[in-house]
N, C-alpha and C. Protein backbone atom coordinates (compact mmCIF):
# COMPACT_ATOMS: atom_id res chain seq x y z
N MET A 1 129.82 123.90 74.47
CA MET A 1 129.01 123.30 74.23
C MET A 1 128.97 122.36 76.21
N LYS A 2 130.59 122.40 76.60
CA LYS A 2 130.96 121.50 77.86
C LYS A 2 130.10 122.72 79.05
N HIS A 3 130.48 123.29 78.74
CA HIS A 3 129.71 124.38 80.18
C HIS A 3 128.37 123.99 80.08
N SER A 4 127.90 124.34 79.03
CA SER A 4 126.04 123.48 79.20
C SER A 4 125.81 122.87 80.08
N ILE A 5 126.56 121.39 79.42
CA ILE A 5 126.17 120.03 80.16
C ILE A 5 126.65 120.20 81.39
N ARG A 6 128.01 120.78 81.96
CA ARG A 6 128.15 121.25 83.79
C ARG A 6 126.48 121.36 84.10
N SER A 7 126.60 122.83 83.61
CA SER A 7 125.33 123.41 84.33
C SER A 7 124.14 122.70 84.42
N LEU A 8 123.75 121.59 82.99
CA LEU A 8 122.88 120.99 83.36
C LEU A 8 123.21 119.99 84.27
N ASN A 9 123.61 119.21 84.63
CA ASN A 9 124.30 118.60 85.49
C ASN A 9 123.80 118.82 87.12
N ARG A 10 124.56 120.15 87.12
CA ARG A 10 124.39 120.86 88.55
C ARG A 10 122.85 120.82 88.87
N PHE A 11 121.90 121.56 88.02
CA PHE A 11 121.01 121.72 88.46
C PHE A 11 120.01 120.21 87.72
N ARG A 12 120.33 119.39 87.60
CA ARG A 12 119.42 118.21 87.64
C ARG A 12 118.58 117.60 88.80
N PRO A 13 118.88 117.76 90.08
CA PRO A 13 118.27 117.42 91.08
C PRO A 13 116.87 118.54 90.96
N PHE A 14 117.76 119.48 90.89
CA PHE A 14 115.99 120.45 90.96
C PHE A 14 115.11 120.47 89.81
N LEU A 15 115.56 120.34 88.58
CA LEU A 15 114.80 119.82 87.35
C LEU A 15 113.60 118.45 87.48
N VAL A 16 114.60 117.46 88.20
CA VAL A 16 113.82 116.33 88.39
C VAL A 16 112.32 116.79 89.42
N VAL A 17 113.07 117.09 90.46
CA VAL A 17 111.94 117.81 91.24
C VAL A 17 110.57 118.52 90.87
N ALA A 18 111.28 119.44 90.01
CA ALA A 18 110.13 120.34 88.96
C ALA A 18 109.35 119.37 88.09
N ALA A 19 110.23 118.64 87.48
CA ALA A 19 108.83 117.38 86.70
C ALA A 19 108.42 116.84 87.57
N LEU A 20 108.30 116.25 88.64
CA LEU A 20 107.49 115.50 89.71
C LEU A 20 106.68 115.95 90.35
N LEU A 21 106.69 117.68 90.60
CA LEU A 21 105.88 118.52 90.86
C LEU A 21 104.82 118.33 89.97
N ALA A 22 105.34 118.95 88.56
CA ALA A 22 104.38 119.38 87.16
C ALA A 22 103.33 117.93 87.22
N PHE A 23 104.09 116.94 87.24
CA PHE A 23 103.11 114.93 86.90
C PHE A 23 102.01 115.02 87.87
N ASN A 24 102.26 115.37 89.17
CA ASN A 24 101.27 115.10 90.53
C ASN A 24 100.99 116.50 90.81
N ALA A 25 100.76 117.46 90.16
CA ALA A 25 100.05 118.63 90.47
C ALA A 25 98.77 118.69 89.07
N ARG A 26 98.76 117.78 88.45
CA ARG A 26 98.05 117.88 86.93
C ARG A 26 96.46 116.94 87.40
N PRO A 27 96.78 116.00 88.54
CA PRO A 27 95.09 115.48 88.88
C PRO A 27 94.48 116.47 89.77
N ALA A 28 95.34 117.43 89.94
CA ALA A 28 94.65 118.26 91.43
C ALA A 28 93.46 119.45 90.45
N PHE A 29 94.29 119.85 89.36
CA PHE A 29 92.84 120.96 88.52
C PHE A 29 91.79 119.61 88.36
N ALA A 30 91.70 118.40 88.34
CA ALA A 30 90.47 117.84 88.00
C ALA A 30 89.88 117.49 89.55
N GLN A 31 90.19 117.97 89.92
CA GLN A 31 89.47 118.18 90.97
C GLN A 31 87.81 119.26 91.50
N SER A 32 86.87 118.75 92.25
CA SER A 32 85.70 119.56 92.29
C SER A 32 86.27 120.70 92.49
N THR A 33 85.28 121.91 92.04
CA THR A 33 85.60 123.42 92.09
C THR A 33 84.88 123.96 93.56
N THR A 34 83.91 122.82 93.89
CA THR A 34 82.74 123.17 95.12
C THR A 34 84.25 122.79 96.92
N PHE A 35 83.71 124.03 97.98
CA PHE A 35 84.75 124.10 98.55
C PHE A 35 83.54 123.30 99.81
N SER A 36 84.30 122.28 100.51
CA SER A 36 83.24 122.07 102.08
C SER A 36 84.43 122.04 102.99
N SER A 37 83.76 122.74 103.91
CA SER A 37 84.30 123.53 105.54
C SER A 37 84.53 121.95 106.10
N THR A 38 83.41 120.81 105.85
CA THR A 38 83.50 119.44 106.52
C THR A 38 85.05 118.80 106.46
N THR A 39 85.19 118.73 104.60
CA THR A 39 86.42 118.27 104.36
C THR A 39 87.71 118.81 105.28
N LEU A 40 87.65 120.19 105.05
CA LEU A 40 88.97 120.71 105.70
C LEU A 40 88.79 120.96 107.16
N GLN A 41 87.73 120.34 107.83
CA GLN A 41 87.92 120.30 109.70
C GLN A 41 88.08 118.81 109.64
N THR A 42 87.66 118.00 109.02
CA THR A 42 88.20 116.28 108.91
C THR A 42 89.86 116.36 108.99
N GLY A 43 90.73 117.16 107.45
CA GLY A 43 91.72 117.19 107.52
C GLY A 43 92.45 118.01 108.54
N ILE A 44 92.43 118.63 109.16
CA ILE A 44 92.32 119.74 110.39
C ILE A 44 92.74 118.60 111.42
N SER A 45 91.28 118.26 111.65
CA SER A 45 91.26 117.28 113.22
C SER A 45 92.48 116.25 112.49
N ASN A 46 92.46 115.22 111.58
CA ASN A 46 93.66 114.65 111.32
C ASN A 46 94.94 114.93 111.54
N SER A 47 95.29 116.37 111.25
CA SER A 47 96.87 116.56 111.12
C SER A 47 97.00 117.01 112.78
N LEU A 48 95.86 117.44 113.51
CA LEU A 48 95.56 117.53 114.62
C LEU A 48 96.17 116.02 115.56
N ALA A 49 95.70 114.65 115.12
CA ALA A 49 95.76 113.63 115.63
C ALA A 49 97.04 113.32 115.82
N VAL A 50 97.83 113.83 114.28
CA VAL A 50 99.00 113.30 113.75
C VAL A 50 100.22 114.42 115.15
N ILE A 51 100.27 115.32 114.87
CA ILE A 51 100.81 116.10 116.02
C ILE A 51 100.80 115.71 117.36
N MET A 52 99.36 115.30 117.90
CA MET A 52 99.34 115.15 119.49
C MET A 52 99.94 113.99 119.83
N MET A 53 100.23 112.96 118.54
CA MET A 53 100.49 111.88 118.85
C MET A 53 101.92 111.82 118.69
N PHE A 54 102.64 112.93 118.23
CA PHE A 54 104.34 112.73 118.00
C PHE A 54 104.52 113.85 119.59
N GLY A 55 103.73 114.66 119.87
CA GLY A 55 103.74 115.34 121.36
C GLY A 55 103.89 114.42 122.29
N PHE A 56 102.96 113.44 122.51
CA PHE A 56 102.89 112.77 123.37
C PHE A 56 104.33 111.83 123.74
N VAL A 57 104.79 110.92 122.21
CA VAL A 57 105.74 110.39 122.60
C VAL A 57 106.70 111.14 122.63
N LEU A 58 106.89 112.55 122.41
CA LEU A 58 108.04 112.65 123.05
C LEU A 58 107.74 113.37 124.28
N GLY A 59 107.22 113.80 124.93
CA GLY A 59 107.04 114.12 126.11
C GLY A 59 107.27 112.70 127.08
N ILE A 60 106.64 111.53 126.26
CA ILE A 60 107.62 110.19 127.26
C ILE A 60 108.84 110.02 127.07
N PHE A 61 109.14 110.57 125.91
CA PHE A 61 110.57 110.57 125.92
C PHE A 61 111.80 111.56 126.96
N SER A 62 110.99 112.58 126.84
CA SER A 62 111.64 113.89 127.87
C SER A 62 111.45 113.16 129.20
N VAL A 63 110.22 113.00 129.49
CA VAL A 63 110.13 112.32 131.12
C VAL A 63 111.28 111.31 131.67
N ILE A 64 111.35 110.43 130.45
CA ILE A 64 111.95 108.61 130.59
C ILE A 64 113.89 109.36 130.74
N TYR A 65 114.06 110.52 129.98
CA TYR A 65 115.84 111.23 129.66
C TYR A 65 115.73 111.85 131.32
N GLY A 66 114.62 112.41 131.36
CA GLY A 66 114.82 113.16 133.11
C GLY A 66 115.19 111.93 134.14
N GLY A 67 114.16 110.79 133.99
CA GLY A 67 114.95 110.07 134.99
C GLY A 67 116.02 109.62 135.02
N PHE A 68 116.74 109.36 133.96
CA PHE A 68 118.29 108.95 133.78
C PHE A 68 119.50 109.94 133.41
N ALA A 69 118.71 111.50 133.80
CA ALA A 69 120.06 112.57 134.19
C ALA A 69 119.71 112.37 135.83
N ILE A 70 118.79 112.34 136.43
CA ILE A 70 118.34 112.18 138.14
C ILE A 70 119.75 111.00 138.67
N ARG A 71 119.41 109.76 137.43
CA ARG A 71 120.31 108.61 138.17
C ARG A 71 121.71 108.96 137.78
N ARG A 72 121.74 109.56 136.44
CA ARG A 72 123.53 110.05 136.43
C ARG A 72 124.02 111.28 137.27
N GLY A 73 123.23 111.28 138.14
CA GLY A 73 123.59 112.69 139.68
C GLY A 73 123.37 114.18 139.13
N ASP A 74 122.44 114.23 137.84
CA ASP A 74 122.36 116.17 137.25
C ASP A 74 120.95 116.08 137.63
N VAL A 75 120.85 116.42 138.94
CA VAL A 75 119.35 115.82 139.32
C VAL A 75 118.07 117.14 138.49
N ASP A 76 118.81 118.71 138.40
CA ASP A 76 118.68 119.81 137.74
C ASP A 76 117.69 119.43 136.67
N GLN A 77 118.66 118.90 135.69
CA GLN A 77 118.37 119.03 134.79
C GLN A 77 117.09 117.92 134.47
N GLY A 78 117.54 117.09 135.55
CA GLY A 78 116.35 116.05 135.36
C GLY A 78 115.04 115.97 135.69
N LYS A 79 115.16 117.02 136.63
CA LYS A 79 113.43 117.37 137.37
C LYS A 79 113.17 118.46 136.53
N MET A 80 113.82 119.42 135.26
CA MET A 80 113.22 120.36 134.41
C MET A 80 112.86 118.72 133.04
N SER A 81 113.94 118.21 133.11
CA SER A 81 113.22 117.48 131.55
C SER A 81 112.22 116.52 131.81
N ILE A 82 111.87 115.76 133.29
CA ILE A 82 110.59 115.53 133.69
C ILE A 82 109.49 116.99 133.76
N LEU A 83 109.52 117.96 134.19
CA LEU A 83 108.90 118.79 134.15
C LEU A 83 107.80 118.90 132.66
N GLY A 84 109.24 119.16 131.78
CA GLY A 84 109.14 119.31 130.37
C GLY A 84 108.02 118.58 129.68
N GLY A 85 108.14 117.28 130.04
CA GLY A 85 107.80 116.38 129.35
C GLY A 85 106.51 115.94 129.59
N ALA A 86 106.26 116.08 130.69
CA ALA A 86 104.97 115.76 131.09
C ALA A 86 103.90 117.39 130.35
N ILE A 87 104.73 118.16 130.19
CA ILE A 87 103.67 119.37 130.35
C ILE A 87 103.29 119.23 128.16
N ILE A 88 104.40 118.38 127.85
CA ILE A 88 104.17 118.44 126.62
C ILE A 88 103.23 117.44 126.10
N ALA A 89 103.53 116.07 127.41
CA ALA A 89 102.37 114.69 126.78
C ALA A 89 101.23 115.23 127.36
N ALA A 90 100.90 116.21 128.26
CA ALA A 90 99.46 116.60 128.78
C ALA A 90 98.63 118.26 128.00
N ALA A 91 99.53 118.07 127.39
CA ALA A 91 99.34 119.83 126.99
C ALA A 91 98.13 119.37 125.32
N PRO A 92 97.70 118.04 124.64
CA PRO A 92 96.50 118.29 123.84
C PRO A 92 95.36 117.70 124.84
N ALA A 93 95.37 117.23 126.01
CA ALA A 93 94.56 116.56 126.95
C ALA A 93 94.06 118.24 127.60
N VAL A 94 94.94 118.76 128.05
CA VAL A 94 94.36 119.95 128.77
C VAL A 94 93.62 120.95 127.82
N ILE A 95 94.30 121.66 126.29
CA ILE A 95 93.81 122.16 125.41
C ILE A 95 92.16 121.59 124.98
N TYR A 96 92.32 120.39 125.01
CA TYR A 96 90.67 120.05 124.46
C TYR A 96 90.09 119.83 125.92
N ALA A 97 90.45 119.96 127.01
CA ALA A 97 89.25 119.87 128.30
C ALA A 97 88.95 121.84 128.21
N PHE A 98 90.07 122.44 128.20
CA PHE A 98 89.54 123.87 127.79
C PHE A 98 88.40 123.98 126.56
N PHE A 99 88.47 123.28 126.00
CA PHE A 99 87.68 123.25 124.12
C PHE A 99 86.13 122.91 125.53
N LYS A 100 86.41 121.67 125.58
CA LYS A 100 84.99 121.16 126.74
C LYS A 100 84.56 122.04 127.02
N ILE A 101 85.36 122.90 128.30
CA ILE A 101 84.79 123.64 129.12
C ILE A 101 84.03 124.69 129.10
N PHE A 102 84.57 125.52 127.26
CA PHE A 102 84.17 126.70 127.26
C PHE A 102 82.85 126.27 126.08
N GLY A 103 82.94 124.94 125.86
CA GLY A 103 81.79 124.92 124.84
C GLY A 103 82.32 124.82 123.22
N LEU A 104 83.22 124.73 123.12
CA LEU A 104 83.71 125.12 121.64
C LEU A 104 83.74 123.50 120.83
N ASP A 105 83.73 122.57 121.58
CA ASP A 105 84.40 121.66 120.88
C ASP A 105 83.29 120.70 120.32
N THR A 106 81.83 121.43 119.74
CA THR A 106 81.09 120.91 119.14
C THR A 106 81.36 121.37 117.52
N SER A 107 81.99 122.44 117.40
CA SER A 107 82.31 122.90 115.62
C SER A 107 83.57 123.42 116.14
N SER A 108 84.50 122.41 116.46
CA SER A 108 85.97 122.68 116.53
C SER A 108 86.30 121.82 115.61
N ALA A 109 87.71 121.63 114.90
CA ALA A 109 88.74 120.73 114.86
C ALA A 109 89.55 120.09 115.53
N VAL A 110 89.35 120.50 116.68
CA VAL A 110 90.36 119.85 118.15
C VAL A 110 89.95 118.34 118.39
N GLY A 111 88.91 118.10 118.71
CA GLY A 111 88.62 116.32 119.17
C GLY A 111 89.09 115.60 117.87
N VAL A 112 89.60 114.45 118.72
CA VAL A 112 90.22 113.54 117.69
C VAL A 112 89.74 112.27 118.10
N GLY A 113 88.47 112.42 118.79
CA GLY A 113 87.57 110.96 118.88
C GLY A 113 88.22 110.39 120.10
N THR A 114 87.42 109.39 120.26
CA THR A 114 87.99 108.31 121.77
C THR A 114 88.98 108.05 121.94
N PHE A 115 89.53 107.88 123.22
CA PHE A 115 90.96 107.12 123.21
C PHE A 115 90.27 105.67 123.76
N GLN A 116 91.07 104.74 123.55
CA GLN A 116 90.28 103.75 123.59
C GLN A 116 92.08 102.94 124.70
């Protein structure tokens, strides 16, 4: 008896997660069975927008870190950090420009709207 209680306590976090997943998955079965590519495209577009924003912020921090590294005297590391940060921050705009150039922006999920 003591052994089964000890093993139950060990698996308690897993049981809680399994129960939460089971209760939260129940409403998913009540969803419509029709597939809409517009909904999928909107979801992908929103996901890419979030990734782009995180990448932009990460690139800005990397550029700032490179400036501090140069100020400390580590010029080579600073230059590489600034270059890497600029590439990370500019990557979404460059990819979107390629999509525009090749005419793929009309039916793609890359565009996230206008930046103001």
